[in-house]
């Protein structure tokens, strides 16, 4: 948005990027506006704002699935690294036996 704030004081403000440029005349303020809007930083900021809504909707859709997976995570966990054979449990070299 380009505004006249006083004598020889034109400002360009880009709300999404929080950029504020002050120029002495309207033509230079318009040039600053075009220069900023052609830049990569402005395009990146606009795209991130646009995709944020999609990301939020996706995270809300996936949240119930993650809750279920976390609740059964203990059942899916691998067993402890211990042998099933009791004779191997008595071996002090590896498992600390008796």
PDB file of N, CA and C in Angstrom:
ATOM      1  N   UNK A   1       0.847  -1.158   0.000  1.00  0.00           N
ATOM      2  CA  UNK A   1       0.000   0.000   0.000  1.00  0.00           C
ATOM      3  C   UNK A   1       0.904   1.236   0.000  1.00  0.00           C
ATOM      4  N   UNK A   2       0.603   2.164  -0.863  1.00  0.00           N
ATOM      5  CA  UNK A   2       1.367   3.403  -0.956  1.00  0.00           C
ATOM      6  C   UNK A   2       0.520   4.540  -0.396  1.00  0.00           C
ATOM      7  N   UNK A   3       1.124   5.308   0.538  1.00  0.00           N
ATOM      8  CA  UNK A   3       0.416   6.413   1.187  1.00  0.00           C
ATOM      9  C   UNK A   3       1.304   7.638   1.224  1.00  0.00           C
ATOM     10  N   UNK A   4       0.667   8.802   1.249  1.00  0.00           N
ATOM     11  CA  UNK A   4       1.395  10.053   1.448  1.00  0.00           C
ATOM     12  C   UNK A   4       1.268  10.418   2.923  1.00  0.00           C
ATOM     13  N   UNK A   5       2.388  10.492   3.620  1.00  0.00           N
ATOM     14  CA  UNK A   5       2.372  10.769   5.046  1.00  0.00           C
ATOM     15  C   UNK A   5       2.722  12.212   5.379  1.00  0.00           C
ATOM     16  N   UNK A   6       3.216  12.914   4.434  1.00  0.00           N
ATOM     17  CA  UNK A   6       3.578  14.302   4.679  1.00  0.00           C
ATOM     18  C   UNK A   6       4.209  14.882   3.431  1.00  0.00           C
ATOM     19  N   UNK A   7       4.725  16.089   3.569  1.00  0.00           N
ATOM     20  CA  UNK A   7       5.358  16.734   2.425  1.00  0.00           C
ATOM     21  C   UNK A   7       6.635  15.969   2.064  1.00  0.00           C
ATOM     22  N   UNK A   8       6.707  15.561   0.804  1.00  0.00           N
ATOM     23  CA  UNK A   8       7.851  14.803   0.286  1.00  0.00           C
ATOM     24  C   UNK A   8       8.117  13.546   1.103  1.00  0.00           C
ATOM     25  N   UNK A   9       7.045  12.868   1.453  1.00  0.00           N
ATOM     26  CA  UNK A   9       7.198  11.637   2.238  1.00  0.00           C
ATOM     27  C   UNK A   9       6.123  10.638   1.830  1.00  0.00           C
ATOM     28  N   UNK A  10       6.469   9.752   0.909  1.00  0.00           N
ATOM     29  CA  UNK A  10       5.591   8.691   0.454  1.00  0.00           C
ATOM     30  C   UNK A  10       6.113   7.378   1.019  1.00  0.00           C
ATOM     31  N   UNK A  11       5.220   6.563   1.524  1.00  0.00           N
ATOM     32  CA  UNK A  11       5.653   5.287   2.108  1.00  0.00           C
ATOM     33  C   UNK A  11       4.946   4.124   1.418  1.00  0.00           C
ATOM     34  N   UNK A  12       5.716   3.071   1.234  1.00  0.00           N
ATOM     35  CA  UNK A  12       5.179   1.809   0.735  1.00  0.00           C
ATOM     36  C   UNK A  12       5.263   0.809   1.879  1.00  0.00           C
ATOM     37  N   UNK A  13       4.143   0.122   2.160  1.00  0.00           N
ATOM     38  CA  UNK A  13       4.097  -0.847   3.239  1.00  0.00           C
ATOM     39  C   UNK A  13       3.563  -2.170   2.695  1.00  0.00           C
ATOM     40  N   UNK A  14       4.298  -3.234   2.941  1.00  0.00           N
ATOM     41  CA  UNK A  14       3.863  -4.579   2.578  1.00  0.00           C
ATOM     42  C   UNK A  14       3.516  -5.299   3.879  1.00  0.00           C
ATOM     43  N   UNK A  15       2.235  -5.535   4.115  1.00  0.00           N
ATOM     44  CA  UNK A  15       1.772  -6.120   5.370  1.00  0.00           C
ATOM     45  C   UNK A  15       2.301  -7.536   5.621  1.00  0.00           C
ATOM     46  N   UNK A  16       2.221  -8.457   4.642  1.00  0.00           N
ATOM     47  CA  UNK A  16       2.685  -9.817   4.933  1.00  0.00           C
ATOM     48  C   UNK A  16       4.181  -9.884   5.242  1.00  0.00           C
ATOM     49  N   UNK A  17       4.971  -9.049   4.579  1.00  0.00           N
ATOM     50  CA  UNK A  17       6.430  -9.107   4.755  1.00  0.00           C
ATOM     51  C   UNK A  17       6.943  -8.152   5.826  1.00  0.00           C
ATOM     52  N   UNK A  18       6.103  -7.272   6.315  1.00  0.00           N
ATOM     53  CA  UNK A  18       6.497  -6.243   7.286  1.00  0.00           C
ATOM     54  C   UNK A  18       7.613  -5.362   6.745  1.00  0.00           C
ATOM     55  N   UNK A  19       7.470  -4.952   5.485  1.00  0.00           N
ATOM     56  CA  UNK A  19       8.447  -4.078   4.837  1.00  0.00           C
ATOM     57  C   UNK A  19       7.840  -2.687   4.742  1.00  0.00           C
ATOM     58  N   UNK A  20       8.634  -1.686   5.118  1.00  0.00           N
ATOM     59  CA  UNK A  20       8.183  -0.294   5.040  1.00  0.00           C
ATOM     60  C   UNK A  20       9.305   0.525   4.410  1.00  0.00           C
ATOM     61  N   UNK A  21       8.988   1.170   3.264  1.00  0.00           N
ATOM     62  CA  UNK A  21       9.972   1.958   2.528  1.00  0.00           C
ATOM     63  C   UNK A  21       9.439   3.380   2.399  1.00  0.00           C
ATOM     64  N   UNK A  22      10.276   4.361   2.717  1.00  0.00           N
ATOM     65  CA  UNK A  22       9.893   5.771   2.602  1.00  0.00           C
ATOM     66  C   UNK A  22      10.679   6.415   1.464  1.00  0.00           C
ATOM     67  N   UNK A  23       9.973   7.094   0.558  1.00  0.00           N
ATOM     68  CA  UNK A  23      10.587   7.763  -0.595  1.00  0.00           C
ATOM     69  C   UNK A  23      10.080   9.202  -0.671  1.00  0.00           C
ATOM     70  N   UNK A  24      10.818  10.092  -1.366  1.00  0.00           N
ATOM     71  CA  UNK A  24      10.416  11.492  -1.426  1.00  0.00           C
ATOM     72  C   UNK A  24       9.268  11.782  -2.390  1.00  0.00           C
ATOM     73  N   UNK A  25       9.035  10.893  -3.392  1.00  0.00           N
ATOM     74  CA  UNK A  25       7.918  11.148  -4.299  1.00  0.00           C
ATOM     75  C   UNK A  25       7.188   9.837  -4.619  1.00  0.00           C
ATOM     76  N   UNK A  26       6.013   9.972  -5.193  1.00  0.00           N
ATOM     77  CA  UNK A  26       5.160   8.817  -5.433  1.00  0.00           C
ATOM     78  C   UNK A  26       5.770   7.859  -6.451  1.00  0.00           C
ATOM     79  N   UNK A  27       6.416   8.381  -7.466  1.00  0.00           N
ATOM     80  CA  UNK A  27       7.010   7.537  -8.502  1.00  0.00           C
ATOM     81  C   UNK A  27       8.056   6.599  -7.906  1.00  0.00           C
ATOM     82  N   UNK A  28       8.911   7.122  -7.045  1.00  0.00           N
ATOM     83  CA  UNK A  28       9.941   6.281  -6.422  1.00  0.00           C
ATOM     84  C   UNK A  28       9.326   5.268  -5.458  1.00  0.00           C
ATOM     85  N   UNK A  29       8.233   5.635  -4.825  1.00  0.00           N
ATOM     86  CA  UNK A  29       7.538   4.688  -3.942  1.00  0.00           C
ATOM     87  C   UNK A  29       6.940   3.546  -4.760  1.00  0.00           C
ATOM     88  N   UNK A  30       6.392   3.871  -5.926  1.00  0.00           N
ATOM     89  CA  UNK A  30       5.852   2.835  -6.807  1.00  0.00           C
ATOM     90  C   UNK A  30       6.974   1.924  -7.298  1.00  0.00           C
ATOM     91  N   UNK A  31       8.121   2.504  -7.639  1.00  0.00           N
ATOM     92  CA  UNK A  31       9.269   1.704  -8.056  1.00  0.00           C
ATOM     93  C   UNK A  31       9.721   0.767  -6.937  1.00  0.00           C
ATOM     94  N   UNK A  32       9.745   1.264  -5.710  1.00  0.00           N
ATOM     95  CA  UNK A  32      10.128   0.430  -4.570  1.00  0.00           C
ATOM     96  C   UNK A  32       9.120  -0.694  -4.377  1.00  0.00           C
ATOM     97  N   UNK A  33       7.854  -0.404  -4.598  1.00  0.00           N
ATOM     98  CA  UNK A  33       6.805  -1.414  -4.503  1.00  0.00           C
ATOM     99  C   UNK A  33       7.036  -2.531  -5.521  1.00  0.00           C
ATOM    100  N   UNK A  34       7.274  -2.149  -6.768  1.00  0.00           N
ATOM    101  CA  UNK A  34       7.499  -3.157  -7.812  1.00  0.00           C
ATOM    102  C   UNK A  34       8.777  -3.943  -7.551  1.00  0.00           C
ATOM    103  N   UNK A  35       9.818  -3.277  -7.101  1.00  0.00           N
ATOM    104  CA  UNK A  35      11.084  -3.952  -6.809  1.00  0.00           C
ATOM    105  C   UNK A  35      10.898  -4.997  -5.704  1.00  0.00           C
ATOM    106  N   UNK A  36      10.155  -4.630  -4.693  1.00  0.00           N
ATOM    107  CA  UNK A  36       9.926  -5.563  -3.590  1.00  0.00           C
ATOM    108  C   UNK A  36       9.054  -6.741  -4.028  1.00  0.00           C
ATOM    109  N   UNK A  37       7.992  -6.462  -4.766  1.00  0.00           N
ATOM    110  CA  UNK A  37       7.068  -7.523  -5.156  1.00  0.00           C
ATOM    111  C   UNK A  37       7.663  -8.469  -6.190  1.00  0.00           C
ATOM    112  N   UNK A  38       8.684  -8.045  -6.922  1.00  0.00           N
ATOM    113  CA  UNK A  38       9.362  -8.940  -7.854  1.00  0.00           C
ATOM    114  C   UNK A  38      10.406  -9.809  -7.170  1.00  0.00           C
ATOM    115  N   UNK A  39      10.753  -9.473  -5.943  1.00  0.00           N
ATOM    116  CA  UNK A  39      11.805 -10.195  -5.232  1.00  0.00           C
ATOM    117  C   UNK A  39      11.368 -11.572  -4.772  1.00  0.00           C
ATOM    118  N   UNK A  40      12.364 -12.413  -4.512  1.00  0.00           N
ATOM    119  CA  UNK A  40      12.116 -13.789  -4.093  1.00  0.00           C
ATOM    120  C   UNK A  40      11.540 -13.845  -2.682  1.00  0.00           C
ATOM    121  N   UNK A  41      11.965 -12.955  -1.813  1.00  0.00           N
ATOM    122  CA  UNK A  41      11.492 -12.962  -0.432  1.00  0.00           C
ATOM    123  C   UNK A  41       9.999 -12.725  -0.325  1.00  0.00           C
ATOM    124  N   UNK A  42       9.477 -11.813  -1.132  1.00  0.00           N
ATOM    125  CA  UNK A  42       8.043 -11.524  -1.118  1.00  0.00           C
ATOM    126  C   UNK A  42       7.256 -12.735  -1.627  1.00  0.00           C
ATOM    127  N   UNK A  43       7.700 -13.332  -2.716  1.00  0.00           N
ATOM    128  CA  UNK A  43       7.002 -14.497  -3.267  1.00  0.00           C
ATOM    129  C   UNK A  43       7.033 -15.659  -2.278  1.00  0.00           C
ATOM    130  N   UNK A  44       8.164 -15.840  -1.636  1.00  0.00           N
ATOM    131  CA  UNK A  44       8.289 -16.925  -0.665  1.00  0.00           C
ATOM    132  C   UNK A  44       7.342 -16.701   0.514  1.00  0.00           C
ATOM    133  N   UNK A  45       7.236 -15.486   0.987  1.00  0.00           N
ATOM    134  CA  UNK A  45       6.359 -15.182   2.120  1.00  0.00           C
ATOM    135  C   UNK A  45       4.886 -15.394   1.748  1.00  0.00           C
ATOM    136  N   UNK A  46       4.487 -14.965   0.558  1.00  0.00           N
ATOM    137  CA  UNK A  46       3.109 -15.132   0.110  1.00  0.00           C
ATOM    138  C   UNK A  46       2.772 -16.613  -0.039  1.00  0.00           C
ATOM    139  N   UNK A  47       3.702 -17.394  -0.592  1.00  0.00           N
ATOM    140  CA  UNK A  47       3.463 -18.835  -0.747  1.00  0.00           C
ATOM    141  C   UNK A  47       3.377 -19.533   0.604  1.00  0.00           C
ATOM    142  N   UNK A  48       4.195 -19.115   1.553  1.00  0.00           N
ATOM    143  CA  UNK A  48       4.146 -19.752   2.871  1.00  0.00           C
ATOM    144  C   UNK A  48       2.823 -19.452   3.567  1.00  0.00           C
ATOM    145  N   UNK A  49       2.289 -18.265   3.383  1.00  0.00           N
ATOM    146  CA  UNK A  49       0.986 -17.924   3.966  1.00  0.00           C
ATOM    147  C   UNK A  49      -0.118 -18.757   3.297  1.00  0.00           C
ATOM    148  N   UNK A  50      -0.014 -18.930   1.974  1.00  0.00           N
ATOM    149  CA  UNK A  50      -1.036 -19.694   1.252  1.00  0.00           C
ATOM    150  C   UNK A  50      -1.024 -21.167   1.651  1.00  0.00           C
ATOM    151  N   UNK A  51       0.165 -21.746   1.816  1.00  0.00           N
ATOM    152  CA  UNK A  51       0.261 -23.165   2.150  1.00  0.00           C
ATOM    153  C   UNK A  51       0.015 -23.443   3.629  1.00  0.00           C
ATOM    154  N   UNK A  52       0.072 -22.442   4.475  1.00  0.00           N
ATOM    155  CA  UNK A  52      -0.113 -22.661   5.909  1.00  0.00           C
ATOM    156  C   UNK A  52      -1.511 -23.198   6.202  1.00  0.00           C
ATOM    157  N   UNK A  53      -2.508 -22.728   5.479  1.00  0.00           N
ATOM    158  CA  UNK A  53      -3.874 -23.229   5.673  1.00  0.00           C
ATOM    159  C   UNK A  53      -3.960 -24.711   5.306  1.00  0.00           C
ATOM    160  N   UNK A  54      -3.288 -25.108   4.236  1.00  0.00           N
ATOM    161  CA  UNK A  54      -3.296 -26.513   3.823  1.00  0.00           C
ATOM    162  C   UNK A  54      -2.582 -27.371   4.858  1.00  0.00           C
ATOM    163  N   UNK A  55      -1.470 -26.885   5.374  1.00  0.00           N
ATOM    164  CA  UNK A  55      -0.709 -27.630   6.374  1.00  0.00           C
ATOM    165  C   UNK A  55      -1.523 -27.789   7.656  1.00  0.00           C
ATOM    166  N   UNK A  56      -2.217 -26.736   8.072  1.00  0.00           N
ATOM    167  CA  UNK A  56      -3.049 -26.820   9.272  1.00  0.00           C
ATOM    168  C   UNK A  56      -4.178 -27.828   9.103  1.00  0.00           C
ATOM    169  N   UNK A  57      -4.829 -27.834   7.938  1.00  0.00           N
ATOM    170  CA  UNK A  57      -5.913 -28.783   7.688  1.00  0.00           C
ATOM    171  C   UNK A  57      -5.388 -30.216   7.681  1.00  0.00           C
ATOM    172  N   UNK A  58      -4.218 -30.429   7.091  1.00  0.00           N
ATOM    173  CA  UNK A  58      -3.626 -31.768   7.046  1.00  0.00           C
ATOM    174  C   UNK A  58      -3.261 -32.244   8.444  1.00  0.00           C
ATOM    175  N   UNK A  59      -2.705 -31.358   9.265  1.00  0.00           N
ATOM    176  CA  UNK A  59      -2.325 -31.764  10.616  1.00  0.00           C
ATOM    177  C   UNK A  59      -3.560 -32.100  11.456  1.00  0.00           C
ATOM    178  N   UNK A  60      -4.660 -31.390  11.246  1.00  0.00           N
ATOM    179  CA  UNK A  60      -5.900 -31.708  11.956  1.00  0.00           C
ATOM    180  C   UNK A  60      -6.463 -33.052  11.502  1.00  0.00           C
ATOM    181  N   UNK A  61      -6.296 -33.388  10.226  1.00  0.00           N
ATOM    182  CA  UNK A  61      -6.801 -34.662   9.715  1.00  0.00           C
ATOM    183  C   UNK A  61      -5.954 -35.835  10.191  1.00  0.00           C
ATOM    184  N   UNK A  62      -4.674 -35.624  10.395  1.00  0.00           N
ATOM    185  CA  UNK A  62      -3.758 -36.705  10.768  1.00  0.00           C
ATOM    186  C   UNK A  62      -3.710 -36.909  12.286  1.00  0.00           C
ATOM    187  N   UNK A  63      -4.129 -35.913  13.058  1.00  0.00           N
ATOM    188  CA  UNK A  63      -4.039 -35.993  14.520  1.00  0.00           C
ATOM    189  C   UNK A  63      -4.732 -37.229  15.108  1.00  0.00           C
ATOM    190  N   UNK A  64      -5.962 -37.606  14.692  1.00  0.00           N
ATOM    191  CA  UNK A  64      -6.576 -38.817  15.266  1.00  0.00           C
ATOM    192  C   UNK A  64      -5.787 -40.089  14.961  1.00  0.00           C
ATOM    193  N   UNK A  65      -5.214 -40.160  13.781  1.00  0.00           N
ATOM    194  CA  UNK A  65      -4.419 -41.339  13.415  1.00  0.00           C
ATOM    195  C   UNK A  65      -3.174 -41.419  14.293  1.00  0.00           C
ATOM    196  N   UNK A  66      -2.521 -40.296  14.529  1.00  0.00           N
ATOM    197  CA  UNK A  66      -1.334 -40.295  15.377  1.00  0.00           C
ATOM    198  C   UNK A  66      -1.665 -40.675  16.818  1.00  0.00           C
ATOM    199  N   UNK A  67      -2.818 -40.270  17.300  1.00  0.00           N
ATOM    200  CA  UNK A  67      -3.230 -40.641  18.647  1.00  0.00           C
ATOM    201  C   UNK A  67      -3.403 -42.154  18.772  1.00  0.00           C
ATOM    202  N   UNK A  68      -3.991 -42.784  17.754  1.00  0.00           N
ATOM    203  CA  UNK A  68      -4.181 -44.236  17.781  1.00  0.00           C
ATOM    204  C   UNK A  68      -2.841 -44.943  17.722  1.00  0.00           C
ATOM    205  N   UNK A  69      -1.956 -44.470  16.870  1.00  0.00           N
ATOM    206  CA  UNK A  69      -0.639 -45.107  16.744  1.00  0.00           C
ATOM    207  C   UNK A  69       0.148 -44.971  18.042  1.00  0.00           C
ATOM    208  N   UNK A  70       0.075 -43.829  18.703  1.00  0.00           N
ATOM    209  CA  UNK A  70       0.785 -43.653  19.968  1.00  0.00           C
ATOM    210  C   UNK A  70       0.207 -44.541  21.060  1.00  0.00           C
ATOM    211  N   UNK A  71      -1.101 -44.800  21.005  1.00  0.00           N
ATOM    212  CA  UNK A  71      -1.710 -45.634  22.036  1.00  0.00           C
ATOM    213  C   UNK A  71      -1.299 -47.097  21.899  1.00  0.00           C
ATOM    214  N   UNK A  72      -1.031 -47.559  20.676  1.00  0.00           N
ATOM    215  CA  UNK A  72      -0.616 -48.954  20.503  1.00  0.00           C
ATOM    216  C   UNK A  72       0.888 -49.080  20.288  1.00  0.00           C
ATOM    217  N   UNK A  73       1.625 -48.027  20.542  1.00  0.00           N
ATOM    218  CA  UNK A  73       3.072 -48.056  20.324  1.00  0.00           C
ATOM    219  C   UNK A  73       3.758 -49.063  21.237  1.00  0.00           C
ATOM    220  N   UNK A  74       3.252 -49.253  22.442  1.00  0.00           N
ATOM    221  CA  UNK A  74       3.871 -50.215  23.353  1.00  0.00           C
ATOM    222  C   UNK A  74       3.736 -51.639  22.823  1.00  0.00           C
ATOM    223  N   UNK A  75       2.635 -51.943  22.137  1.00  0.00           N
ATOM    224  CA  UNK A  75       2.455 -53.276  21.566  1.00  0.00           C
ATOM    225  C   UNK A  75       3.354 -53.476  20.352  1.00  0.00           C
ATOM    226  N   UNK A  76       3.659 -52.408  19.662  1.00  0.00           N
ATOM    227  CA  UNK A  76       4.500 -52.501  18.469  1.00  0.00           C
ATOM    228  C   UNK A  76       5.984 -52.378  18.771  1.00  0.00           C
ATOM    229  N   UNK A  77       6.326 -52.071  20.008  1.00  0.00           N
ATOM    230  CA  UNK A  77       7.736 -51.889  20.366  1.00  0.00           C
ATOM    231  C   UNK A  77       8.478 -53.221  20.277  1.00  0.00           C
ATOM    232  N   UNK A  78       9.736 -53.196  19.880  1.00  0.00           N
ATOM    233  CA  UNK A  78      10.490 -54.443  19.795  1.00  0.00           C
ATOM    234  C   UNK A  78      10.756 -55.004  21.199  1.00  0.00           C
ATOM    235  N   UNK A  79      10.893 -56.314  21.301  1.00  0.00           N
ATOM    236  CA  UNK A  79      11.145 -56.908  22.611  1.00  0.00           C
ATOM    237  C   UNK A  79      12.527 -56.539  23.122  1.00  0.00           C
ATOM    238  N   UNK A  80      12.750 -56.637  24.426  1.00  0.00           N
ATOM    239  CA  UNK A  80      14.074 -56.331  24.951  1.00  0.00           C
ATOM    240  C   UNK A  80      15.104 -57.329  24.424  1.00  0.00           C
ATOM    241  N   UNK A  81      16.346 -56.919  24.409  1.00  0.00           N
ATOM    242  CA  UNK A  81      17.414 -57.747  23.860  1.00  0.00           C
ATOM    243  C   UNK A  81      17.834 -58.798  24.885  1.00  0.00           C
ATOM    244  N   UNK A  82      16.955 -59.761  25.108  1.00  0.00           N
ATOM    245  CA  UNK A  82      17.233 -60.850  26.039  1.00  0.00           C
ATOM    246  C   UNK A  82      16.877 -62.155  25.353  1.00  0.00           C
ATOM    247  N   UNK A  83      17.641 -63.178  25.585  1.00  0.00           N
ATOM    248  CA  UNK A  83      17.335 -64.475  24.954  1.00  0.00           C
ATOM    249  C   UNK A  83      16.141 -65.154  25.628  1.00  0.00           C
ATOM    250  N   UNK A  84      15.476 -66.015  24.891  1.00  0.00           N
ATOM    251  CA  UNK A  84      14.339 -66.758  25.428  1.00  0.00           C
ATOM    252  C   UNK A  84      14.801 -68.005  26.185  1.00  0.00           C
ATOM    253  N   UNK A  85      15.965 -68.464  25.872  1.00  0.00           N
ATOM    254  CA  UNK A  85      16.486 -69.683  26.504  1.00  0.00           C
ATOM    255  C   UNK A  85      17.023 -69.354  27.894  1.00  0.00           C
ATOM    256  N   UNK A  86      16.512 -69.994  28.958  1.00  0.00           N
ATOM    257  CA  UNK A  86      16.983 -69.691  30.311  1.00  0.00           C
ATOM    258  C   UNK A  86      18.453 -70.033  30.541  1.00  0.00           C
ATOM    259  N   UNK A  87      18.982 -70.999  29.787  1.00  0.00           N
ATOM    260  CA  UNK A  87      20.402 -71.336  29.983  1.00  0.00           C
ATOM    261  C   UNK A  87      21.292 -70.196  29.506  1.00  0.00           C
ATOM    262  N   UNK A  88      20.859 -69.479  28.494  1.00  0.00           N
ATOM    263  CA  UNK A  88      21.650 -68.346  28.026  1.00  0.00           C
ATOM    264  C   UNK A  88      21.551 -67.180  29.004  1.00  0.00           C
ATOM    265  N   UNK A  89      20.453 -67.096  29.752  1.00  0.00           N
ATOM    266  CA  UNK A  89      20.333 -66.028  30.738  1.00  0.00           C
ATOM    267  C   UNK A  89      21.348 -66.212  31.866  1.00  0.00           C
ATOM    268  N   UNK A  90      21.772 -67.451  32.114  1.00  0.00           N
ATOM    269  CA  UNK A  90      22.742 -67.703  33.171  1.00  0.00           C
ATOM    270  C   UNK A  90      24.168 -67.376  32.728  1.00  0.00           C
ATOM    271  N   UNK A  91      24.361 -67.102  31.471  1.00  0.00           N
ATOM    272  CA  UNK A  91      25.692 -66.776  30.958  1.00  0.00           C
ATOM    273  C   UNK A  91      26.070 -65.376  31.415  1.00  0.00           C
ATOM    274  N   UNK A  92      27.055 -65.279  32.298  1.00  0.00           N
ATOM    275  CA  UNK A  92      27.446 -63.985  32.881  1.00  0.00           C
ATOM    276  C   UNK A  92      28.186 -63.091  31.901  1.00  0.00           C
ATOM    277  N   UNK A  93      28.738 -63.670  30.856  1.00  0.00           N
ATOM    278  CA  UNK A  93      29.554 -62.873  29.943  1.00  0.00           C
ATOM    279  C   UNK A  93      28.724 -61.835  29.191  1.00  0.00           C
ATOM    280  N   UNK A  94      27.494 -62.168  28.840  1.00  0.00           N
ATOM    281  CA  UNK A  94      26.719 -61.224  28.041  1.00  0.00           C
ATOM    282  C   UNK A  94      25.535 -60.619  28.798  1.00  0.00           C
ATOM    283  N   UNK A  95      24.725 -61.433  29.463  1.00  0.00           N
ATOM    284  CA  UNK A  95      23.505 -60.931  30.074  1.00  0.00           C
ATOM    285  C   UNK A  95      23.591 -60.757  31.566  1.00  0.00           C
ATOM    286  N   UNK A  96      24.695 -61.023  32.159  1.00  0.00           N
ATOM    287  CA  UNK A  96      24.879 -60.771  33.572  1.00  0.00           C
ATOM    288  C   UNK A  96      24.374 -61.872  34.473  1.00  0.00           C
ATOM    289  N   UNK A  97      23.797 -62.897  33.944  1.00  0.00           N
ATOM    290  CA  UNK A  97      23.333 -64.081  34.679  1.00  0.00           C
ATOM    291  C   UNK A  97      23.397 -64.022  36.190  1.00  0.00           C
ATOM    292  N   UNK A  98      23.582 -65.201  36.830  1.00  0.00           N
ATOM    293  CA  UNK A  98      23.606 -65.275  38.291  1.00  0.00           C
ATOM    294  C   UNK A  98      24.998 -65.439  38.811  1.00  0.00           C
TER     295      UNK A  98
END
